[in-house]
N, C-alpha and C. Protein backbone atom coordinates (compact mmCIF):
# COMPACT_ATOMS: atom_id res chain seq x y z
N UNK A 1 -3.17 1.43 -11.11
CA UNK A 1 -2.57 2.73 -11.30
C UNK A 1 -2.04 3.23 -9.95
N UNK A 2 -0.93 3.90 -9.98
CA UNK A 2 -0.28 4.42 -8.79
C UNK A 2 -1.20 5.40 -8.05
N UNK A 3 -1.15 5.36 -6.72
CA UNK A 3 -1.98 6.22 -5.88
C UNK A 3 -1.37 7.60 -5.64
N UNK A 4 -0.13 7.83 -6.07
CA UNK A 4 0.49 9.14 -5.88
C UNK A 4 -0.27 10.19 -6.69
N UNK A 5 -0.44 11.36 -6.09
CA UNK A 5 -1.20 12.43 -6.72
C UNK A 5 -0.63 12.76 -8.10
N UNK A 6 -1.49 12.70 -9.11
CA UNK A 6 -1.11 13.05 -10.47
C UNK A 6 -0.37 11.97 -11.24
N UNK A 7 -0.02 10.88 -10.61
CA UNK A 7 0.73 9.82 -11.29
C UNK A 7 -0.24 8.89 -12.02
N UNK A 8 0.09 8.53 -13.22
CA UNK A 8 -0.73 7.62 -14.02
C UNK A 8 0.04 6.36 -14.40
N UNK A 9 1.17 6.13 -13.72
CA UNK A 9 2.00 4.95 -14.01
C UNK A 9 1.34 3.68 -13.48
N UNK A 10 1.72 2.58 -14.08
CA UNK A 10 1.21 1.28 -13.63
C UNK A 10 1.72 0.97 -12.23
N UNK A 11 0.84 0.43 -11.41
CA UNK A 11 1.22 0.04 -10.05
C UNK A 11 2.03 -1.25 -10.08
N UNK A 12 3.03 -1.31 -9.21
CA UNK A 12 3.88 -2.49 -9.07
C UNK A 12 3.85 -2.98 -7.62
N UNK A 13 3.58 -2.07 -6.69
CA UNK A 13 3.62 -2.35 -5.26
C UNK A 13 2.27 -2.10 -4.60
N UNK A 14 1.99 -2.86 -3.54
CA UNK A 14 0.82 -2.63 -2.69
C UNK A 14 1.34 -2.25 -1.31
N UNK A 15 0.89 -1.11 -0.81
CA UNK A 15 1.24 -0.67 0.53
C UNK A 15 0.00 -0.88 1.40
N UNK A 16 0.08 -1.84 2.31
CA UNK A 16 -1.04 -2.16 3.19
C UNK A 16 -0.87 -1.34 4.47
N UNK A 17 -1.93 -0.69 4.89
CA UNK A 17 -1.85 0.19 6.05
C UNK A 17 -3.17 0.22 6.81
N UNK A 18 -3.12 0.77 7.99
CA UNK A 18 -4.34 1.11 8.71
C UNK A 18 -4.06 2.23 9.69
N UNK A 19 -5.09 2.96 10.02
CA UNK A 19 -5.01 4.03 11.00
C UNK A 19 -5.61 3.46 12.28
N UNK A 20 -4.79 3.21 13.30
CA UNK A 20 -5.30 2.56 14.51
C UNK A 20 -6.38 3.36 15.25
N UNK A 21 -6.47 4.64 14.97
CA UNK A 21 -7.53 5.45 15.60
C UNK A 21 -8.88 5.22 14.93
N UNK A 22 -8.86 4.72 13.69
CA UNK A 22 -10.10 4.53 12.93
C UNK A 22 -10.43 3.09 12.61
N UNK A 23 -9.41 2.23 12.48
CA UNK A 23 -9.61 0.87 11.99
C UNK A 23 -9.25 -0.17 13.05
N UNK A 24 -9.92 -1.31 12.97
CA UNK A 24 -9.55 -2.44 13.82
C UNK A 24 -8.16 -2.92 13.42
N UNK A 25 -7.42 -3.56 14.32
CA UNK A 25 -6.03 -3.96 14.01
C UNK A 25 -5.87 -4.85 12.78
N UNK A 26 -6.85 -5.70 12.49
CA UNK A 26 -6.72 -6.61 11.34
C UNK A 26 -7.10 -5.96 10.01
N UNK A 27 -7.75 -4.83 10.03
CA UNK A 27 -8.18 -4.17 8.78
C UNK A 27 -6.99 -3.63 8.02
N UNK A 28 -7.00 -3.79 6.71
CA UNK A 28 -5.93 -3.27 5.86
C UNK A 28 -6.52 -2.46 4.73
N UNK A 29 -6.13 -1.21 4.67
CA UNK A 29 -6.42 -0.34 3.53
C UNK A 29 -5.22 -0.48 2.60
N UNK A 30 -5.36 -0.13 1.34
CA UNK A 30 -4.24 -0.27 0.42
C UNK A 30 -4.06 0.98 -0.44
N UNK A 31 -2.82 1.27 -0.68
CA UNK A 31 -2.42 2.22 -1.70
C UNK A 31 -1.58 1.44 -2.69
N UNK A 32 -1.67 1.81 -3.95
CA UNK A 32 -0.85 1.20 -4.99
C UNK A 32 0.26 2.17 -5.36
N UNK A 33 1.43 1.64 -5.69
CA UNK A 33 2.57 2.50 -6.01
C UNK A 33 3.34 1.97 -7.21
N UNK A 34 3.81 2.90 -8.02
CA UNK A 34 4.75 2.57 -9.09
C UNK A 34 6.14 2.52 -8.47
N UNK A 35 7.13 2.11 -9.25
CA UNK A 35 8.51 2.06 -8.74
C UNK A 35 8.96 3.43 -8.23
N UNK A 36 8.64 4.48 -8.97
CA UNK A 36 9.11 5.82 -8.63
C UNK A 36 8.54 6.33 -7.30
N UNK A 37 7.30 5.99 -6.97
CA UNK A 37 6.65 6.55 -5.78
C UNK A 37 6.56 5.61 -4.58
N UNK A 38 7.05 4.39 -4.69
CA UNK A 38 6.96 3.44 -3.58
C UNK A 38 7.60 3.98 -2.31
N UNK A 39 8.81 4.48 -2.41
CA UNK A 39 9.53 4.97 -1.23
C UNK A 39 8.83 6.18 -0.61
N UNK A 40 8.38 7.10 -1.43
CA UNK A 40 7.71 8.31 -0.93
C UNK A 40 6.41 7.96 -0.20
N UNK A 41 5.58 7.13 -0.81
CA UNK A 41 4.31 6.75 -0.18
C UNK A 41 4.55 5.91 1.07
N UNK A 42 5.53 5.02 1.04
CA UNK A 42 5.87 4.22 2.22
C UNK A 42 6.32 5.11 3.37
N UNK A 43 7.13 6.09 3.05
CA UNK A 43 7.62 7.01 4.07
C UNK A 43 6.48 7.82 4.67
N UNK A 44 5.59 8.30 3.83
CA UNK A 44 4.43 9.07 4.30
C UNK A 44 3.62 8.27 5.32
N UNK A 45 3.33 7.01 4.99
CA UNK A 45 2.56 6.16 5.90
C UNK A 45 3.38 5.73 7.11
N UNK A 46 4.66 5.46 6.89
CA UNK A 46 5.53 5.00 7.97
C UNK A 46 5.72 6.03 9.07
N UNK A 47 5.91 7.29 8.70
CA UNK A 47 6.10 8.36 9.68
C UNK A 47 4.89 8.45 10.61
N UNK A 48 3.72 8.15 10.10
CA UNK A 48 2.49 8.22 10.90
C UNK A 48 2.20 6.92 11.66
N UNK A 49 3.02 5.91 11.43
CA UNK A 49 2.83 4.62 12.09
C UNK A 49 1.71 3.80 11.48
N UNK A 50 1.33 4.12 10.24
CA UNK A 50 0.21 3.44 9.57
C UNK A 50 0.65 2.25 8.72
N UNK A 51 1.88 2.27 8.20
CA UNK A 51 2.33 1.25 7.25
C UNK A 51 2.47 -0.11 7.94
N UNK A 52 1.84 -1.12 7.36
CA UNK A 52 1.90 -2.47 7.92
C UNK A 52 2.69 -3.42 7.04
N UNK A 53 2.63 -3.26 5.71
CA UNK A 53 3.31 -4.19 4.82
C UNK A 53 3.46 -3.58 3.43
N UNK A 54 4.52 -3.97 2.73
CA UNK A 54 4.74 -3.58 1.33
C UNK A 54 5.07 -4.86 0.57
N UNK A 55 4.25 -5.18 -0.40
CA UNK A 55 4.46 -6.38 -1.22
C UNK A 55 4.21 -6.03 -2.68
N UNK A 56 4.71 -6.88 -3.57
CA UNK A 56 4.45 -6.63 -4.98
C UNK A 56 2.97 -6.86 -5.27
N UNK A 57 2.49 -6.21 -6.28
CA UNK A 57 1.09 -6.36 -6.68
C UNK A 57 0.80 -7.82 -7.03
N UNK A 58 1.75 -8.49 -7.67
CA UNK A 58 1.58 -9.90 -8.04
C UNK A 58 1.42 -10.77 -6.78
N UNK A 59 2.24 -10.52 -5.75
CA UNK A 59 2.12 -11.27 -4.49
C UNK A 59 0.76 -11.02 -3.83
N UNK A 60 0.34 -9.76 -3.81
CA UNK A 60 -0.94 -9.39 -3.20
C UNK A 60 -2.10 -10.10 -3.90
N UNK A 61 -2.06 -10.08 -5.23
CA UNK A 61 -3.14 -10.72 -5.99
C UNK A 61 -3.14 -12.23 -5.80
N UNK A 62 -1.96 -12.85 -5.75
CA UNK A 62 -1.93 -14.30 -5.56
C UNK A 62 -2.38 -14.69 -4.15
N UNK A 63 -2.10 -13.86 -3.15
CA UNK A 63 -2.56 -14.16 -1.79
C UNK A 63 -4.07 -13.97 -1.68
N UNK A 64 -4.63 -13.06 -2.45
CA UNK A 64 -6.08 -12.84 -2.46
C UNK A 64 -6.80 -14.04 -3.09
N UNK A 65 -6.16 -14.68 -4.05
CA UNK A 65 -6.77 -15.86 -4.69
C UNK A 65 -6.86 -17.02 -3.72
N UNK A 66 -5.94 -17.08 -2.76
CA UNK A 66 -5.92 -18.16 -1.79
C UNK A 66 -6.92 -18.01 -0.66
N UNK A 67 -7.57 -16.86 -0.58
CA UNK A 67 -8.53 -16.60 0.50
C UNK A 67 -9.90 -17.11 0.18
């Protein structure tokens, strides 16, 4: 489900991020986004310098299987 406040749409994107003041460089937190909110959530994280990667949920899940 999308991480945007009040949104109940299915997630399509994974936004991987970290806050360098709180997290080690390799740590990745994630937000999920639907098509409608991907740009808004990416921008929110990007302005703060937190956004590290944006991939489809399918790509994220397949990379997790390989770990």
